[in-house]
Protein backbone atom coordinates (compact mmCIF):
# COMPACT_ATOMS: atom_id res chain seq x y z
CA MET A 1 2.98 -16.30 30.54
CA THR A 2 0.49 -13.42 30.45
CA GLU A 3 -2.61 -14.04 32.53
CA LEU A 4 -5.46 -15.09 30.27
CA LYS A 5 -8.17 -13.03 31.97
CA PHE A 6 -10.76 -15.30 30.38
CA HIS A 7 -14.23 -14.06 31.23
CA VAL A 8 -17.71 -15.00 30.06
CA ASP A 9 -20.57 -12.54 30.36
CA GLU A 10 -23.29 -14.88 31.53
CA SER A 11 -26.00 -12.37 30.59
CA LYS A 12 -24.97 -12.76 26.93
CA CYS A 13 -23.71 -16.36 26.73
CA ILE A 14 -26.16 -18.85 25.19
CA ARG A 15 -23.94 -21.83 26.04
CA CYS A 16 -23.63 -22.82 22.38
CA GLY A 17 -20.14 -24.22 22.96
CA ALA A 18 -18.61 -22.52 19.89
CA CYS A 19 -15.64 -21.24 21.88
CA ILE A 20 -14.99 -24.69 23.31
CA ARG A 21 -15.19 -26.45 19.94
CA ASP A 22 -12.93 -23.88 18.25
CA CYS A 23 -10.21 -23.91 20.91
CA ALA A 24 -7.25 -25.56 19.14
CA PRO A 25 -5.34 -26.52 22.32
CA ALA A 26 -8.64 -27.72 23.87
CA ILE A 27 -8.23 -25.83 27.14
CA LEU A 28 -11.89 -24.76 27.47
CA GLU A 29 -14.81 -26.70 28.92
CA PHE A 30 -18.24 -26.12 30.39
CA ASP A 31 -18.00 -25.45 34.10
CA PRO A 32 -19.84 -28.37 35.72
CA ASP A 33 -21.35 -26.01 38.30
CA SER A 34 -22.26 -22.85 36.35
CA GLU A 35 -22.57 -24.63 32.97
CA TYR A 36 -20.79 -21.71 31.27
CA PRO A 37 -17.43 -21.97 29.45
CA ARG A 38 -14.27 -21.77 31.53
CA VAL A 39 -10.56 -22.52 31.24
CA ILE A 40 -9.83 -26.04 32.42
CA PRO A 41 -7.99 -25.71 35.74
CA GLY A 42 -4.24 -25.87 35.19
CA ALA A 43 -4.58 -25.66 31.39
CA GLU A 44 -3.76 -21.95 30.97
CA PRO A 45 -0.16 -22.57 29.73
CA GLY A 46 -1.60 -24.36 26.71
CA CYS A 47 -3.23 -21.19 25.34
CA THR A 48 -1.82 -20.10 21.97
CA ARG A 49 -3.22 -16.56 22.32
CA CYS A 50 -5.22 -16.89 19.08
CA GLN A 51 -8.26 -15.13 20.58
CA HIS A 52 -10.56 -17.40 18.56
CA CYS A 53 -12.80 -17.80 21.61
CA LEU A 54 -13.42 -14.03 21.52
CA ALA A 55 -13.87 -13.98 17.73
CA VAL A 56 -16.19 -16.99 17.36
CA CYS A 57 -18.73 -16.12 20.07
CA PRO A 58 -22.01 -15.14 18.33
CA ARG A 59 -23.07 -12.95 21.26
CA ALA A 60 -19.76 -11.20 22.07
CA ALA A 61 -19.87 -12.81 25.49
CA VAL A 62 -16.21 -13.88 25.73
CA GLU A 63 -13.34 -11.67 26.84
CA ILE A 64 -9.71 -12.75 26.99
CA PHE A 65 -6.51 -10.84 27.78
CA GLY A 66 -8.74 -7.93 28.80
CA ARG A 67 -9.97 -7.47 25.21
CA ASP A 68 -13.55 -6.30 24.83
CA PRO A 69 -15.21 -8.19 21.93
CA GLU A 70 -17.39 -5.16 21.20
CA GLU A 71 -14.23 -3.30 20.14
CA SER A 72 -13.28 -5.88 17.46
CA LEU A 73 -13.64 -5.21 13.76
CA PRO A 74 -16.83 -6.82 12.40
CA GLY A 75 -16.39 -10.31 11.04
CA ASN A 76 -18.92 -10.05 8.25
CA ALA A 77 -17.13 -7.46 6.10
CA VAL A 78 -15.83 -9.97 3.52
CA PRO A 79 -14.92 -8.44 0.12
CA ASP A 80 -16.33 -9.86 -3.08
CA PRO A 81 -14.21 -12.88 -4.23
CA ASP A 82 -13.78 -11.38 -7.69
CA GLU A 83 -12.38 -8.22 -6.12
CA ILE A 84 -9.88 -10.26 -4.10
CA LEU A 85 -8.82 -12.17 -7.22
CA SER A 86 -8.44 -8.90 -9.11
CA LEU A 87 -6.21 -7.52 -6.35
CA ILE A 88 -4.02 -10.64 -6.50
CA ALA A 89 -3.90 -10.73 -10.30
CA ASN A 90 -3.07 -7.03 -10.59
CA ARG A 91 -0.38 -7.07 -7.91
CA ARG A 92 2.77 -5.73 -9.50
CA SER A 93 6.38 -5.16 -8.48
CA PHE A 94 6.93 -1.39 -8.70
CA ARG A 95 10.41 -0.13 -9.53
CA SER A 96 9.49 3.49 -10.12
CA TYR A 97 8.67 5.82 -7.22
CA ARG A 98 8.13 9.46 -6.49
CA HIS A 99 10.88 10.94 -4.35
CA GLU A 100 8.58 11.93 -1.49
CA ASN A 101 7.26 10.57 1.78
CA LEU A 102 4.07 8.60 1.85
CA ASP A 103 1.35 10.52 3.66
CA ARG A 104 1.26 9.76 7.38
CA VAL A 105 -2.34 8.49 7.44
CA THR A 106 -1.60 5.81 4.84
CA LEU A 107 1.69 4.87 6.50
CA ASP A 108 -0.04 4.45 9.85
CA LYS A 109 -2.70 2.24 8.24
CA LEU A 110 0.01 -0.01 6.81
CA LYS A 111 1.77 -0.29 10.15
CA ASP A 112 -1.42 -1.01 12.09
CA MET A 113 -2.43 -3.76 9.66
CA LEU A 114 0.62 -5.81 10.59
CA ARG A 115 -0.88 -6.79 13.95
CA PHE A 116 -3.36 -8.97 12.07
CA VAL A 117 -0.89 -11.06 10.05
CA PRO A 118 -0.68 -14.78 10.89
CA THR A 119 2.46 -16.42 12.25
CA GLY A 120 3.50 -20.00 12.87
CA VAL A 121 2.07 -21.43 16.11
CA ASN A 122 0.48 -18.00 16.58
CA ALA A 123 3.77 -16.80 18.05
CA HIS A 124 3.31 -13.18 16.90
CA SER A 125 6.92 -12.36 17.74
CA LEU A 126 7.80 -10.51 14.53
CA HIS A 127 9.39 -7.07 14.59
CA PHE A 128 9.28 -4.55 11.75
CA ALA A 129 11.92 -1.91 11.12
CA PHE A 130 10.52 0.93 9.02
CA ILE A 131 12.39 3.62 7.16
CA ASP A 132 9.71 6.32 7.35
CA GLU A 133 11.59 9.27 5.92
CA VAL A 134 12.93 9.60 2.40
CA GLU A 135 16.01 11.41 3.77
CA VAL A 136 16.91 8.33 5.82
CA MET A 137 16.33 6.10 2.81
CA ASP A 138 18.58 8.36 0.76
CA SER A 139 21.34 7.98 3.33
CA PHE A 140 21.19 4.16 2.93
CA ARG A 141 21.03 4.52 -0.84
CA ASN A 142 23.95 6.95 -1.08
CA TYR A 143 26.12 4.90 1.27
CA VAL A 144 25.70 1.80 -0.87
CA MET A 145 26.25 3.67 -4.12
CA ASP A 146 29.46 5.21 -2.76
CA ARG A 147 30.74 1.83 -1.57
CA VAL A 148 29.91 0.20 -4.88
CA ALA A 149 31.63 2.98 -6.82
CA GLY A 150 34.75 2.39 -4.71
CA MET A 151 34.61 -1.35 -5.38
CA LEU A 152 34.25 -0.82 -9.12
CA ALA A 153 37.32 1.41 -9.13
CA GLU A 154 39.55 -0.41 -6.68
CA ASP A 155 38.21 -3.94 -6.15
CA PRO A 156 36.28 -5.12 -9.24
CA ASP A 157 36.47 -8.76 -8.14
CA ASN A 158 34.84 -8.04 -4.79
CA PRO A 159 32.41 -10.85 -3.81
CA PHE A 160 29.58 -8.34 -3.48
CA LEU A 161 30.01 -7.26 -7.10
CA SER A 162 30.34 -10.90 -8.20
CA ARG A 163 26.89 -11.64 -6.77
CA MET A 164 25.56 -8.53 -8.54
CA GLU A 165 27.25 -9.25 -11.89
CA ARG A 166 24.05 -8.94 -13.91
CA TYR A 167 23.68 -5.36 -12.61
CA ARG A 168 27.28 -4.24 -13.15
CA ARG A 169 26.48 -1.99 -16.11
CA GLN A 170 23.66 -0.29 -14.21
CA PHE A 171 25.96 0.24 -11.23
CA ILE A 172 28.54 1.84 -13.52
CA GLU A 173 25.82 4.16 -14.86
CA GLY A 174 25.03 5.19 -11.28
CA ARG A 175 21.57 3.69 -11.22
CA ASP A 176 19.95 2.76 -7.90
CA VAL A 177 19.71 -0.94 -8.68
CA ILE A 178 19.20 -2.05 -5.10
CA PHE A 179 16.68 0.35 -3.58
CA ARG A 180 15.01 1.33 -6.89
CA GLY A 181 14.56 4.93 -5.84
CA ALA A 182 11.96 3.93 -3.26
CA PRO A 183 11.37 6.42 -0.44
CA HIS A 184 10.60 3.75 2.16
CA MET A 185 11.59 0.27 3.25
CA VAL A 186 10.26 -2.19 5.78
CA VAL A 187 12.40 -5.02 7.11
CA ALA A 188 10.51 -7.92 8.67
CA ALA A 189 12.56 -9.63 11.37
CA ALA A 190 11.80 -12.81 13.26
CA LYS A 191 12.90 -13.92 16.68
CA GLU A 192 15.56 -16.53 16.00
CA ASP A 193 14.07 -19.03 18.47
CA SER A 194 10.49 -18.54 17.24
CA PRO A 195 8.71 -21.58 15.72
CA CYS A 196 8.88 -20.42 12.06
CA PRO A 197 11.53 -17.68 11.70
CA ALA A 198 12.21 -18.42 8.01
CA TYR A 199 8.60 -18.13 6.92
CA ASP A 200 6.83 -15.63 9.15
CA PRO A 201 8.50 -12.51 7.65
CA VAL A 202 7.52 -13.57 4.12
CA ILE A 203 3.94 -14.29 5.15
CA ALA A 204 3.67 -10.91 6.86
CA LEU A 205 5.07 -8.98 3.90
CA SER A 206 2.68 -10.81 1.54
CA TYR A 207 -0.22 -9.34 3.49
CA PHE A 208 1.53 -5.98 3.66
CA GLU A 209 2.00 -5.90 -0.11
CA LEU A 210 -1.64 -6.61 -0.96
CA TYR A 211 -2.96 -4.09 1.53
CA ALA A 212 -0.45 -1.48 0.34
CA GLN A 213 -1.46 -1.90 -3.28
CA SER A 214 -5.14 -1.70 -2.34
CA LEU A 215 -4.25 1.74 -0.94
CA GLY A 216 -2.51 2.76 -4.16
CA VAL A 217 0.98 2.30 -2.70
CA GLY A 218 3.68 0.71 -4.85
CA THR A 219 5.74 -2.16 -3.42
CA VAL A 220 8.55 -4.46 -4.49
CA TRP A 221 10.11 -7.48 -2.81
CA CYS A 222 13.82 -6.83 -2.49
CA GLY A 223 16.23 -9.67 -1.90
CA LEU A 224 18.99 -7.35 -3.14
CA ALA A 225 18.30 -5.04 -0.19
CA LEU A 226 18.45 -7.92 2.26
CA GLY A 227 21.70 -9.17 0.73
CA THR A 228 23.13 -5.65 0.92
CA LEU A 229 22.18 -5.27 4.58
CA ASN A 230 23.82 -8.59 5.35
CA TYR A 231 26.97 -7.67 3.41
CA PHE A 232 27.32 -4.28 5.11
CA PRO A 233 26.80 -4.98 8.82
CA GLU A 234 27.08 -1.28 9.58
CA LEU A 235 23.84 -0.77 7.64
CA MET A 236 22.15 -3.69 9.40
CA ALA A 237 23.22 -2.15 12.70
CA ARG A 238 21.44 1.08 11.77
CA LEU A 239 18.14 -0.82 11.76
CA LYS A 240 18.57 -1.44 15.50
CA LEU A 241 16.71 -4.74 15.48
CA PRO A 242 15.96 -6.13 18.95
CA GLU A 243 18.47 -8.59 20.36
CA GLY A 244 17.77 -12.13 19.22
CA TYR A 245 16.05 -11.05 16.01
CA LYS A 246 17.22 -11.68 12.44
CA ALA A 247 16.10 -9.84 9.32
CA GLY A 248 13.98 -12.19 7.23
CA TYR A 249 13.08 -10.10 4.18
CA CYS A 250 12.80 -6.53 2.89
CA MET A 251 10.09 -4.71 1.00
CA LEU A 252 10.47 -1.33 -0.67
CA PHE A 253 7.39 0.85 -0.95
CA GLY A 254 6.13 4.34 -1.54
CA PRO A 255 4.00 6.62 -3.72
CA THR A 256 4.28 5.99 -7.42
CA GLY A 257 2.86 7.62 -10.51
CA LEU A 258 3.03 4.35 -12.40
CA ARG A 259 -0.24 2.52 -13.10
CA TYR A 260 -0.92 -0.78 -14.86
CA PRO A 261 -4.21 -0.68 -16.82
CA ARG A 262 -4.44 -4.46 -16.95
CA ALA A 263 -3.14 -7.67 -15.39
CA THR A 264 -0.48 -9.86 -16.98
CA GLN A 265 -1.33 -13.26 -18.51
CA PRO A 266 0.85 -15.81 -16.72
CA ASP A 267 0.94 -19.47 -17.72
CA PRO A 268 -1.10 -21.87 -15.55
CA ALA A 269 0.61 -22.97 -12.36
CA GLY A 270 1.98 -26.49 -12.29
CA MET A 271 -0.14 -28.71 -10.06
CA HIS A 272 -1.67 -32.16 -9.68
CA SER A 273 -4.19 -33.90 -7.47
CA VAL A 274 -2.87 -36.53 -5.08
CA GLU A 275 -4.74 -39.83 -5.00
């Protein structure tokens, strides 16, 4: 396990105990001699690496893992709730993209954001495979279209086509049913022995989608892409996922000229209160 490097700047600490109270594994205590917070001797392995001790300190007195609290993003920059609701309500699945690369500044912002997404048991063991260049995306797209065209001509009962039956006509017309003309794709992969490998990729891409759309970038969840990658192992191999990782879900994204002037009007969600 990585050394915690837990340090309290005694010139700043007011001994409020916030870091101790907020420590989920309860490995912090007041040092009986100095009366400042410390890691309980022998308790280091219990740390979940959440860094809440660093985040909760009102005086930026706590360091951990060598992180300087003064370099953290401010914790008081909370958007207006109505703006958050509007972002959620106006989230759309985009299936129309411009055939061009997203600008590098925006792409880098999207990639950097992923370090903040939550994971089960704070494992943070996800890995993301990005297709950054439209030319690479086109090579995936063209490969699949060529294989599908061959199946339609020579093997119309192929299991892959059977699962895609509702799209058969569009395949015949040569439409990019699977990748929707998107210039980019991100595949979220989880370590197979991580605590929540089935859920962490979906959680991460949910955050990715909202942030992307706040930046004016179109996105669409794509189970068809994941199914295609699983059916054609040679394509999955091109992703070069680390050993022990499994693709959890795919999201297509990129610049789009399409805009939705208003939100949809979905029916109320089914719910009840438990007594």
